[in-house]
Amino acid sequence: MSIDTPLFRLEERPAPPKALLAGLQHVLASFVGIIAPSMIIAGALGLESFIPYLISMALFVSGLATLLQSQRIGPLGSGLLSIQGTSFSFVGALIIAGQAAREGGASNEEVLATLFGVCLAGSLIEVVLGGILPQLKRIITPTVTGIVVILIGLSLIKVGVTDMAGGFGAEDFGSLANLGLATLVIVSVLACQLSRHAWWRIGSIFIGLVVGCVAAALSGQMGVPDLGESRWLTLPQPLRYGLDFDIAAFIPVAFIFLITAIETIGDLTGTSRASGEPTDGPLYRRRIRGGVMADGVNSALAALFNTFPNTTFSQNTGVVQLTGIASRHVGWYVGGILIVLGLIPALGQLLQQIPRPVLGAATTLMFGLIAVSGIRILSDQTMDRKTLMTIATSLGTGLGVLLVPEILSGLPALAQKVFASPITTGGLTAIVCTLLMPGSTSAERHDDVADEIAHKGVTSEVSEQR
């Protein structure tokens, strides 16, 4: 048996103890990523009292979404062991949208209603994209995707670093105690990443958080919550805060849904490869189409159940590779564990006690890695003059509005709200440059080569390259 051959393939059923152990490892690898976006968004918008419920719903919906994605219901779902969780990509845009709603006099509930309404509308875009992605390849090129991913990561760094210093408005902002705690977390994560043991690397963020919390508790920087009055079981309440809509907030969120659809294709391709399944052909394309559509449906469920958009988690592909268990039936265990955790609101109150410097250190690393993933996408492109100028112009405009937001002060109010997002400004600039600047995109060059080979009668080579 090849080292790349899974011990349990897609349709095989591991014994319950093995399946449960594999499921727990998937939950461990994704747990921080599922809960952190809710904590960051709520913390940045002054919604700390809502965090326990938001965390519960994030876990609950991730469980439902994982079941839909891994088990496939009708045309929806990839049918692969693909874990769903709250997406970091939307954090920056949703914080900006929430701050704009707050400046307009919205209450806490109205802020959440706006965010969930915008996300529900945007999720429908991804459902539609599931069927038309091939037609968009000349617009949403790898260059455009890479630029947007970089801007997502860089625009979030400020949020993470602010938390490292103690959080916005903290009395001890920037104190040596806060910075020392954040440094300890970063050093712990880096030590795990440099380890030769794969499990230390996979669990590095989780381990860093544990080390930081222990240090904070020993130094008196972390309190013990009073769980005596907490509810230990709650039932989800769809549309608890209602729905609202803001077109200025919707545009950047809609754009990110477009990008996450492209990222989902990459994640599902990696999972398919790790599972010993095809990465080309009709079966593969059906899985990709169903997976992207399921991403959209799951994000709609998230909005209805009062949490933020879901997407596939790439780190769980590594768990599949390490355990050798690619069985989609493990998805029942993962989904079940997440749903049960989501029904325990006291867990959210406990997690809310994680000190801001500890969480900020971990998320700053995550945000940096998002930017790095965008750089890696761009590094695979041919750096001709068109590509170089597209990158330079898009990053310049995107980071420009982030660093000097006053540049938009002369625009109408709606335009200011739309282009205040570096993701929207940089992403739209990249698309315009791609469409209008002379020269061929990398996707077009690839298609031209493929057509030439096909005319020569060696189409099998094209399949292998793709």
Protein backbone atom coordinates (compact mmCIF):
# COMPACT_ATOMS: atom_id res chain seq x y z
CA MET A 1 0.00 0.00 0.00
CA SER A 2 1.29 3.46 -0.94
CA ILE A 3 2.07 5.88 1.87
CA ASP A 4 -0.46 8.26 0.27
CA THR A 5 -3.26 5.67 0.32
CA PRO A 6 -5.78 6.33 3.14
CA LEU A 7 -6.28 3.59 5.74
CA PHE A 8 -10.02 4.17 5.45
CA ARG A 9 -11.26 5.45 2.11
CA LEU A 10 -14.25 7.70 1.52
CA GLU A 11 -17.04 5.12 1.78
CA GLU A 12 -15.42 2.80 4.32
CA ARG A 13 -16.65 2.79 7.93
CA PRO A 14 -14.03 2.80 10.72
CA ALA A 15 -14.99 1.17 14.00
CA PRO A 16 -16.77 3.66 16.33
CA PRO A 17 -13.75 4.14 18.67
CA LYS A 18 -11.47 4.98 15.72
CA ALA A 19 -14.10 7.20 14.12
CA LEU A 20 -14.68 9.05 17.41
CA LEU A 21 -10.94 9.58 17.93
CA ALA A 22 -10.56 10.90 14.39
CA GLY A 23 -13.58 13.16 14.91
CA LEU A 24 -12.13 14.60 18.13
CA GLN A 25 -8.88 15.40 16.32
CA HIS A 26 -10.80 17.28 13.63
CA VAL A 27 -12.66 19.25 16.31
CA LEU A 28 -9.37 20.07 18.07
CA ALA A 29 -7.81 21.30 14.82
CA SER A 30 -10.77 23.55 13.95
CA PHE A 31 -12.14 24.62 17.34
CA VAL A 32 -10.20 27.88 17.69
CA GLY A 33 -10.91 28.86 14.10
CA ILE A 34 -14.65 28.34 14.62
CA ILE A 35 -15.02 30.49 17.74
CA ALA A 36 -12.39 33.20 17.18
CA PRO A 37 -14.19 35.25 14.46
CA SER A 38 -17.27 35.70 16.66
CA MET A 39 -15.10 36.82 19.57
CA ILE A 40 -13.14 39.26 17.40
CA ILE A 41 -16.16 40.82 15.69
CA ALA A 42 -18.18 41.13 18.89
CA GLY A 43 -15.19 42.50 20.81
CA ALA A 44 -14.44 45.13 18.17
CA LEU A 45 -18.09 46.29 18.12
CA GLY A 46 -18.60 46.41 21.89
CA LEU A 47 -20.89 43.38 21.92
CA GLU A 48 -19.11 41.46 24.67
CA SER A 49 -22.36 40.44 26.38
CA PHE A 50 -23.45 38.65 23.20
CA ILE A 51 -20.28 36.56 22.87
CA PRO A 52 -21.42 33.40 24.74
CA TYR A 53 -24.51 33.04 22.54
CA LEU A 54 -22.62 33.88 19.34
CA ILE A 55 -19.99 31.24 20.17
CA SER A 56 -22.69 28.65 20.88
CA MET A 57 -24.35 29.33 17.54
CA ALA A 58 -21.01 29.28 15.70
CA LEU A 59 -20.34 25.77 17.02
CA PHE A 60 -23.93 24.61 16.44
CA VAL A 61 -24.04 25.82 12.83
CA SER A 62 -20.56 24.45 12.10
CA GLY A 63 -21.86 21.04 13.18
CA LEU A 64 -24.88 21.26 10.88
CA ALA A 65 -22.74 22.60 8.04
CA THR A 66 -20.20 19.79 8.41
CA LEU A 67 -22.96 17.20 8.20
CA LEU A 68 -24.35 18.78 5.03
CA GLN A 69 -20.93 19.15 3.40
CA SER A 70 -19.65 15.67 4.23
CA GLN A 71 -22.80 13.59 3.77
CA ARG A 72 -24.22 15.32 0.66
CA ILE A 73 -27.98 15.95 0.51
CA GLY A 74 -29.26 15.95 -3.06
CA PRO A 75 -27.06 18.29 -5.11
CA LEU A 76 -25.66 19.97 -1.98
CA GLY A 77 -22.37 18.97 -0.41
CA SER A 78 -19.06 17.58 -1.63
CA GLY A 79 -19.50 14.16 -0.03
CA LEU A 80 -15.92 14.45 1.29
CA LEU A 81 -14.74 14.59 4.91
CA SER A 82 -14.64 18.38 4.75
CA ILE A 83 -15.12 20.34 7.98
CA GLN A 84 -17.00 23.64 7.96
CA GLY A 85 -16.38 26.54 10.30
CA THR A 86 -16.73 30.29 10.69
CA SER A 87 -14.71 32.12 8.06
CA PHE A 88 -12.01 34.63 9.03
CA SER A 89 -12.27 36.25 5.60
CA PHE A 90 -15.38 38.23 6.55
CA VAL A 91 -14.09 39.62 9.85
CA GLY A 92 -12.70 42.90 8.54
CA ALA A 93 -15.68 43.73 6.32
CA LEU A 94 -18.19 42.88 9.06
CA ILE A 95 -16.36 45.00 11.64
CA ILE A 96 -16.42 47.97 9.25
CA ALA A 97 -20.12 47.37 8.54
CA GLY A 98 -20.91 47.13 12.23
CA GLN A 99 -18.98 50.30 13.05
CA ALA A 100 -20.88 52.17 10.31
CA ALA A 101 -24.21 50.94 11.71
CA ARG A 102 -23.11 51.97 15.20
CA GLU A 103 -22.21 55.48 13.97
CA GLY A 104 -25.69 55.68 12.46
CA GLY A 105 -27.21 55.24 15.92
CA ALA A 106 -28.06 51.53 15.70
CA SER A 107 -28.54 49.55 18.91
CA ASN A 108 -26.61 46.35 19.62
CA GLU A 109 -29.45 44.20 18.27
CA GLU A 110 -29.80 46.38 15.18
CA VAL A 111 -26.06 46.09 14.49
CA LEU A 112 -26.32 42.29 14.57
CA ALA A 113 -29.48 42.37 12.45
CA THR A 114 -27.62 44.34 9.78
CA LEU A 115 -24.66 41.96 9.79
CA PHE A 116 -26.82 38.85 9.56
CA GLY A 117 -29.05 40.35 6.87
CA VAL A 118 -26.07 41.30 4.72
CA CYS A 119 -24.55 37.83 5.17
CA LEU A 120 -27.83 36.11 4.26
CA ALA A 121 -28.07 38.09 1.02
CA GLY A 122 -24.43 37.41 0.21
CA SER A 123 -24.78 33.68 0.80
CA LEU A 124 -27.26 33.47 -2.07
CA ILE A 125 -24.51 34.72 -4.36
CA GLU A 126 -22.31 31.75 -3.49
CA VAL A 127 -25.16 29.32 -4.13
CA VAL A 128 -25.50 30.74 -7.64
CA LEU A 129 -21.72 30.76 -8.13
CA GLY A 130 -21.66 27.00 -7.58
CA GLY A 131 -23.12 26.56 -11.06
CA ILE A 132 -21.30 29.29 -12.98
CA LEU A 133 -17.74 29.31 -11.59
CA PRO A 134 -16.17 28.12 -14.88
CA GLN A 135 -17.56 31.21 -16.64
CA LEU A 136 -15.88 33.55 -14.14
CA LYS A 137 -12.31 32.34 -14.57
CA ARG A 138 -11.33 35.24 -16.87
CA ILE A 139 -12.50 37.77 -14.25
CA ILE A 140 -11.64 36.12 -10.94
CA THR A 141 -8.12 35.11 -11.89
CA PRO A 142 -5.47 33.77 -9.49
CA THR A 143 -3.95 37.27 -9.49
CA VAL A 144 -7.23 38.86 -8.36
CA THR A 145 -7.75 36.14 -5.76
CA GLY A 146 -4.21 36.51 -4.40
CA ILE A 147 -4.54 40.28 -4.08
CA VAL A 148 -7.85 40.03 -2.21
CA VAL A 149 -6.54 37.35 0.16
CA ILE A 150 -3.49 39.53 0.97
CA LEU A 151 -5.75 42.51 1.67
CA ILE A 152 -7.99 40.40 3.91
CA GLY A 153 -5.01 39.36 6.01
CA LEU A 154 -3.33 42.77 6.19
CA SER A 155 -6.56 44.63 7.00
CA LEU A 156 -7.08 42.39 10.03
CA ILE A 157 -3.59 42.81 11.52
CA LYS A 158 -4.66 46.01 13.31
CA VAL A 159 -7.46 44.12 15.08
CA GLY A 160 -5.09 41.41 16.29
CA VAL A 161 -2.36 43.80 17.43
CA THR A 162 -4.90 45.96 19.29
CA ASP A 163 -5.97 42.89 21.24
CA MET A 164 -2.33 41.99 21.93
CA ALA A 165 -1.96 45.34 23.67
CA GLY A 166 -5.05 44.69 25.81
CA GLY A 167 -7.99 45.55 23.57
CA PHE A 168 -9.52 48.84 22.51
CA GLY A 169 -10.17 51.10 25.50
CA ALA A 170 -8.26 48.94 27.99
CA GLU A 171 -6.84 50.84 30.96
CA ASP A 172 -3.57 48.90 30.75
CA PHE A 173 -3.31 49.19 26.97
CA GLY A 174 0.25 48.43 25.84
CA SER A 175 1.46 47.40 29.30
CA LEU A 176 4.47 45.11 29.65
CA ALA A 177 2.22 42.48 31.23
CA ASN A 178 -0.02 42.39 28.15
CA LEU A 179 2.86 42.40 25.68
CA GLY A 180 4.70 39.72 27.68
CA LEU A 181 1.64 37.48 27.65
CA ALA A 182 1.21 37.95 23.90
CA THR A 183 4.91 37.24 23.31
CA LEU A 184 4.67 33.99 25.30
CA VAL A 185 1.79 32.81 23.11
CA ILE A 186 3.66 33.64 19.90
CA VAL A 187 6.83 31.88 21.10
CA SER A 188 4.78 28.81 22.10
CA VAL A 189 3.11 28.64 18.68
CA LEU A 190 6.43 29.04 16.87
CA ALA A 191 8.04 26.34 19.04
CA CYS A 192 5.24 23.93 18.12
CA GLN A 193 5.52 24.82 14.44
CA LEU A 194 9.25 24.07 14.49
CA SER A 195 8.69 20.68 16.14
CA ARG A 196 9.29 17.51 14.15
CA HIS A 197 6.07 16.02 15.48
CA ALA A 198 3.15 16.67 13.14
CA TRP A 199 0.55 16.80 15.91
CA TRP A 200 2.40 19.60 17.68
CA ARG A 201 2.27 21.59 14.46
CA ILE A 202 -1.44 20.93 13.86
CA GLY A 203 -2.37 21.88 17.42
CA SER A 204 0.05 24.82 17.67
CA ILE A 205 -2.61 27.56 17.95
CA PHE A 206 -4.61 25.59 20.50
CA ILE A 207 -1.47 24.84 22.54
CA GLY A 208 -0.42 28.49 22.40
CA LEU A 209 -3.82 29.55 23.76
CA VAL A 210 -3.60 26.99 26.58
CA VAL A 211 -0.09 28.14 27.54
CA GLY A 212 -1.20 31.78 27.48
CA CYS A 213 -4.29 31.10 29.61
CA VAL A 214 -2.27 29.15 32.18
CA ALA A 215 0.28 31.97 32.40
CA ALA A 216 -2.50 34.55 32.68
CA ALA A 217 -4.20 32.59 35.46
CA LEU A 218 -0.94 32.23 37.40
CA SER A 219 -0.21 35.96 37.09
CA GLY A 220 -3.73 37.03 38.02
CA GLN A 221 -4.61 38.32 34.55
CA MET A 222 -7.40 35.79 33.99
CA GLY A 223 -10.41 35.41 36.23
CA VAL A 224 -12.64 32.42 36.85
CA PRO A 225 -16.20 33.00 35.56
CA ASP A 226 -19.19 32.47 37.82
CA LEU A 227 -21.08 29.73 36.02
CA GLY A 228 -23.59 29.27 38.83
CA GLU A 229 -26.28 31.30 37.03
CA SER A 230 -25.32 30.18 33.51
CA ARG A 231 -27.66 28.06 31.47
CA TRP A 232 -26.08 24.73 30.67
CA LEU A 233 -28.43 23.95 27.84
CA THR A 234 -30.08 26.21 25.29
CA LEU A 235 -32.07 25.76 22.12
CA PRO A 236 -31.16 27.79 19.03
CA GLN A 237 -33.49 30.67 18.25
CA PRO A 238 -33.58 31.45 14.51
CA LEU A 239 -33.63 35.17 13.72
CA ARG A 240 -33.24 36.05 17.38
CA TYR A 241 -32.01 39.54 16.46
CA GLY A 242 -33.95 39.91 13.21
CA LEU A 243 -32.58 40.87 9.80
CA ASP A 244 -31.71 44.22 8.25
CA PHE A 245 -29.86 45.30 5.13
CA ASP A 246 -27.34 47.96 4.13
CA ILE A 247 -26.19 48.14 0.51
CA ALA A 248 -22.86 49.76 1.43
CA ALA A 249 -22.10 46.92 3.85
CA PHE A 250 -23.32 44.33 1.34
CA ILE A 251 -20.91 45.13 -1.50
CA PRO A 252 -17.64 44.16 0.26
CA VAL A 253 -19.30 41.11 1.85
CA ALA A 254 -20.63 39.99 -1.53
CA PHE A 255 -17.17 40.36 -2.99
CA ILE A 256 -15.68 38.19 -0.24
CA PHE A 257 -18.28 35.49 -0.91
CA LEU A 258 -16.95 35.43 -4.47
CA ILE A 259 -13.40 34.94 -3.24
CA THR A 260 -14.26 32.31 -0.63
CA ALA A 261 -15.96 30.30 -3.35
CA ILE A 262 -12.60 30.14 -5.14
CA GLU A 263 -10.84 29.21 -1.89
CA THR A 264 -13.38 26.45 -1.27
CA ILE A 265 -12.46 24.88 -4.60
CA GLY A 266 -8.83 24.74 -3.47
CA ASP A 267 -9.73 23.27 -0.07
CA LEU A 268 -11.98 20.59 -1.57
CA THR A 269 -9.35 19.73 -4.18
CA GLY A 270 -6.80 19.22 -1.41
CA THR A 271 -9.22 17.08 0.60
CA SER A 272 -10.05 15.02 -2.49
CA ARG A 273 -6.36 14.43 -3.14
CA ALA A 274 -5.70 13.48 0.50
CA SER A 275 -8.67 11.10 0.37
CA GLY A 276 -7.32 9.24 -2.66
CA GLU A 277 -10.18 10.57 -4.80
CA PRO A 278 -9.94 12.05 -8.31
CA THR A 279 -9.07 15.71 -8.80
CA ASP A 280 -10.37 15.87 -12.35
CA GLY A 281 -13.29 14.50 -14.29
CA PRO A 282 -17.09 14.49 -13.90
CA LEU A 283 -17.15 13.13 -10.32
CA TYR A 284 -14.65 15.75 -9.15
CA ARG A 285 -16.54 18.58 -10.83
CA ARG A 286 -19.83 17.40 -9.32
CA ARG A 287 -18.26 17.41 -5.86
CA ILE A 288 -16.80 20.89 -6.34
CA ARG A 289 -20.11 22.26 -7.57
CA GLY A 290 -22.00 20.68 -4.66
CA GLY A 291 -19.34 21.84 -2.19
CA VAL A 292 -19.49 25.50 -3.25
CA MET A 293 -23.29 25.46 -3.24
CA ALA A 294 -23.24 23.89 0.23
CA ASP A 295 -20.88 26.66 1.37
CA GLY A 296 -23.53 29.19 0.38
CA VAL A 297 -26.41 27.28 1.97
CA ASN A 298 -24.41 26.81 5.17
CA SER A 299 -23.67 30.53 5.32
CA ALA A 300 -27.41 31.19 4.92
CA LEU A 301 -28.06 28.83 7.83
CA ALA A 302 -25.44 30.73 9.82
CA ALA A 303 -27.24 34.04 9.24
CA LEU A 304 -30.61 32.54 10.18
CA PHE A 305 -29.15 31.02 13.36
CA ASN A 306 -27.38 34.24 14.42
CA THR A 307 -23.77 33.63 13.50
CA PHE A 308 -21.32 34.51 10.74
CA PRO A 309 -20.58 32.91 7.33
CA ASN A 310 -19.16 29.39 7.11
CA THR A 311 -16.56 27.95 4.79
CA THR A 312 -14.40 24.84 4.41
CA PHE A 313 -11.40 24.56 6.75
CA SER A 314 -8.11 23.75 5.02
CA GLN A 315 -6.35 22.64 8.23
CA ASN A 316 -8.60 19.59 8.42
CA THR A 317 -7.10 18.30 5.18
CA GLY A 318 -3.89 17.87 7.18
CA VAL A 319 -5.78 15.81 9.76
CA VAL A 320 -7.02 13.51 7.01
CA GLN A 321 -3.46 13.06 5.77
CA LEU A 322 -2.03 12.38 9.22
CA THR A 323 -4.72 9.99 10.48
CA GLY A 324 -5.15 8.20 7.17
CA ILE A 325 -8.92 8.28 7.79
CA ALA A 326 -10.77 9.83 4.85
CA SER A 327 -14.14 8.22 5.58
CA ARG A 328 -16.96 10.71 5.19
CA HIS A 329 -18.82 8.80 7.92
CA VAL A 330 -16.45 10.44 10.44
CA GLY A 331 -18.32 13.63 9.53
CA TRP A 332 -21.25 12.35 11.62
CA TYR A 333 -19.02 12.32 14.69
CA VAL A 334 -17.49 15.75 14.00
CA GLY A 335 -20.87 17.33 13.31
CA GLY A 336 -22.41 15.68 16.36
CA ILE A 337 -19.64 16.87 18.70
CA LEU A 338 -19.89 20.46 17.42
CA ILE A 339 -23.69 20.51 17.73
CA VAL A 340 -23.54 19.28 21.33
CA LEU A 341 -20.90 21.89 22.18
CA GLY A 342 -23.10 24.55 20.61
CA LEU A 343 -26.00 23.69 22.88
CA ILE A 344 -23.94 24.51 25.99
CA PRO A 345 -23.87 28.33 26.36
CA ALA A 346 -21.78 28.10 29.54
CA LEU A 347 -18.91 27.02 27.27
CA GLY A 348 -19.10 30.38 25.49
CA GLN A 349 -18.99 32.24 28.80
CA LEU A 350 -15.94 30.22 29.82
CA LEU A 351 -14.15 30.93 26.54
CA GLN A 352 -14.94 34.62 26.89
CA GLN A 353 -12.48 34.71 29.78
CA ILE A 354 -9.52 34.17 27.43
CA PRO A 355 -7.43 37.36 27.94
CA ARG A 356 -7.34 39.74 24.99
CA PRO A 357 -3.51 39.61 24.67
CA VAL A 358 -3.66 35.80 24.44
CA LEU A 359 -6.37 35.78 21.79
CA GLY A 360 -4.80 38.72 19.95
CA ALA A 361 -1.42 36.98 19.67
CA ALA A 362 -3.00 33.85 18.20
CA THR A 363 -5.23 35.72 15.77
CA THR A 364 -2.43 38.05 14.64
CA LEU A 365 -0.49 34.98 13.54
CA MET A 366 -3.58 33.64 11.78
CA PHE A 367 -4.14 36.93 9.99
CA GLY A 368 -0.50 37.02 8.95
CA LEU A 369 -0.84 33.51 7.54
CA ILE A 370 -3.88 34.62 5.52
CA ALA A 371 -1.73 37.32 3.90
CA VAL A 372 1.05 34.78 3.30
CA SER A 373 -1.39 32.45 1.54
CA GLY A 374 -2.26 35.30 -0.81
CA ILE A 375 1.44 35.92 -1.47
CA ARG A 376 1.88 32.24 -2.31
CA ILE A 377 -0.99 32.46 -4.81
CA LEU A 378 0.69 35.43 -6.50
CA SER A 379 4.10 33.75 -6.47
CA ASP A 380 2.75 31.04 -8.77
CA GLN A 381 1.81 33.59 -11.44
CA THR A 382 3.97 34.75 -14.33
CA MET A 383 5.19 38.20 -13.32
CA ASP A 384 4.75 40.04 -16.62
CA ARG A 385 4.17 43.79 -16.77
CA LYS A 386 0.37 43.49 -16.61
CA THR A 387 0.48 41.29 -13.51
CA LEU A 388 3.04 43.49 -11.75
CA MET A 389 1.08 46.69 -12.40
CA THR A 390 -2.20 45.05 -11.37
CA ILE A 391 -0.68 43.98 -8.06
CA ALA A 392 0.97 47.35 -7.45
CA THR A 393 -2.14 49.38 -8.27
CA SER A 394 -4.54 47.16 -6.33
CA LEU A 395 -2.44 46.90 -3.18
CA GLY A 396 -1.72 50.63 -3.34
CA THR A 397 -5.39 51.63 -3.52
CA GLY A 398 -6.55 48.96 -1.04
CA LEU A 399 -3.97 49.76 1.63
CA GLY A 400 -4.31 53.47 0.84
CA VAL A 401 -7.94 53.69 1.98
CA LEU A 402 -7.05 51.58 5.02
CA LEU A 403 -4.18 53.80 6.16
CA VAL A 404 -5.62 57.16 5.05
CA PRO A 405 -9.43 56.81 5.15
CA GLU A 406 -9.78 60.61 4.91
CA ILE A 407 -8.95 60.35 1.21
CA LEU A 408 -12.59 59.41 0.60
CA SER A 409 -14.01 62.46 2.42
CA GLY A 410 -14.95 64.21 -0.82
CA LEU A 411 -17.12 61.33 -2.08
CA PRO A 412 -20.86 60.91 -1.46
CA ALA A 413 -21.73 59.20 1.83
CA LEU A 414 -22.69 55.88 0.18
CA ALA A 415 -19.48 55.78 -1.86
CA GLN A 416 -17.45 56.47 1.29
CA LYS A 417 -19.05 53.51 3.06
CA VAL A 418 -18.49 51.21 0.06
CA PHE A 419 -14.87 52.10 -0.69
CA ALA A 420 -13.81 52.36 2.96
CA SER A 421 -13.21 48.62 2.79
CA PRO A 422 -9.69 47.91 1.47
CA ILE A 423 -10.98 44.56 0.23
CA THR A 424 -13.59 46.23 -1.99
CA THR A 425 -11.32 49.01 -3.25
CA GLY A 426 -8.33 46.75 -3.92
CA GLY A 427 -10.42 43.89 -5.30
CA LEU A 428 -12.40 46.05 -7.71
CA THR A 429 -9.17 47.73 -8.84
CA ALA A 430 -7.68 44.31 -9.56
CA ILE A 431 -10.71 43.26 -11.61
CA VAL A 432 -10.71 46.51 -13.61
CA CYS A 433 -6.99 46.17 -14.32
CA THR A 434 -7.45 42.55 -15.36
CA LEU A 435 -10.23 43.44 -17.80
CA LEU A 436 -8.88 46.70 -19.24
CA MET A 437 -5.08 46.53 -19.22
CA PRO A 438 -3.52 45.09 -22.40
CA GLY A 439 -1.91 41.67 -22.19
CA SER A 440 -3.12 38.15 -21.42
CA THR A 441 -3.92 36.84 -17.97
CA SER A 442 -2.31 33.63 -16.75
CA ALA A 443 -5.66 31.86 -17.12
CA GLU A 444 -5.95 33.01 -20.74
CA ARG A 445 -2.38 31.92 -21.50
CA HIS A 446 -3.11 28.51 -20.02
CA ASP A 447 -6.27 28.18 -22.11
CA ASP A 448 -4.40 29.21 -25.28
CA VAL A 449 -1.76 26.55 -24.66
CA ALA A 450 -4.45 23.98 -23.94
CA ASP A 451 -6.27 24.80 -27.19
CA GLU A 452 -3.05 24.48 -29.18
CA ILE A 453 -2.28 21.10 -27.65
CA ALA A 454 -5.85 19.94 -28.23
CA HIS A 455 -5.59 20.84 -31.94
CA LYS A 456 -2.50 18.66 -32.12
CA GLY A 457 -4.46 15.73 -30.75
CA VAL A 458 -2.75 15.29 -27.39
CA THR A 459 -5.54 16.37 -25.03
CA SER A 460 -4.44 13.83 -22.43
CA GLU A 461 -1.48 16.07 -21.60
CA VAL A 462 -3.85 18.94 -20.84
CA SER A 463 -5.79 16.77 -18.40
CA GLU A 464 -2.61 15.80 -16.62
CA GLN A 465 -1.48 19.43 -16.33
CA ARG A 466 -4.84 20.48 -14.89
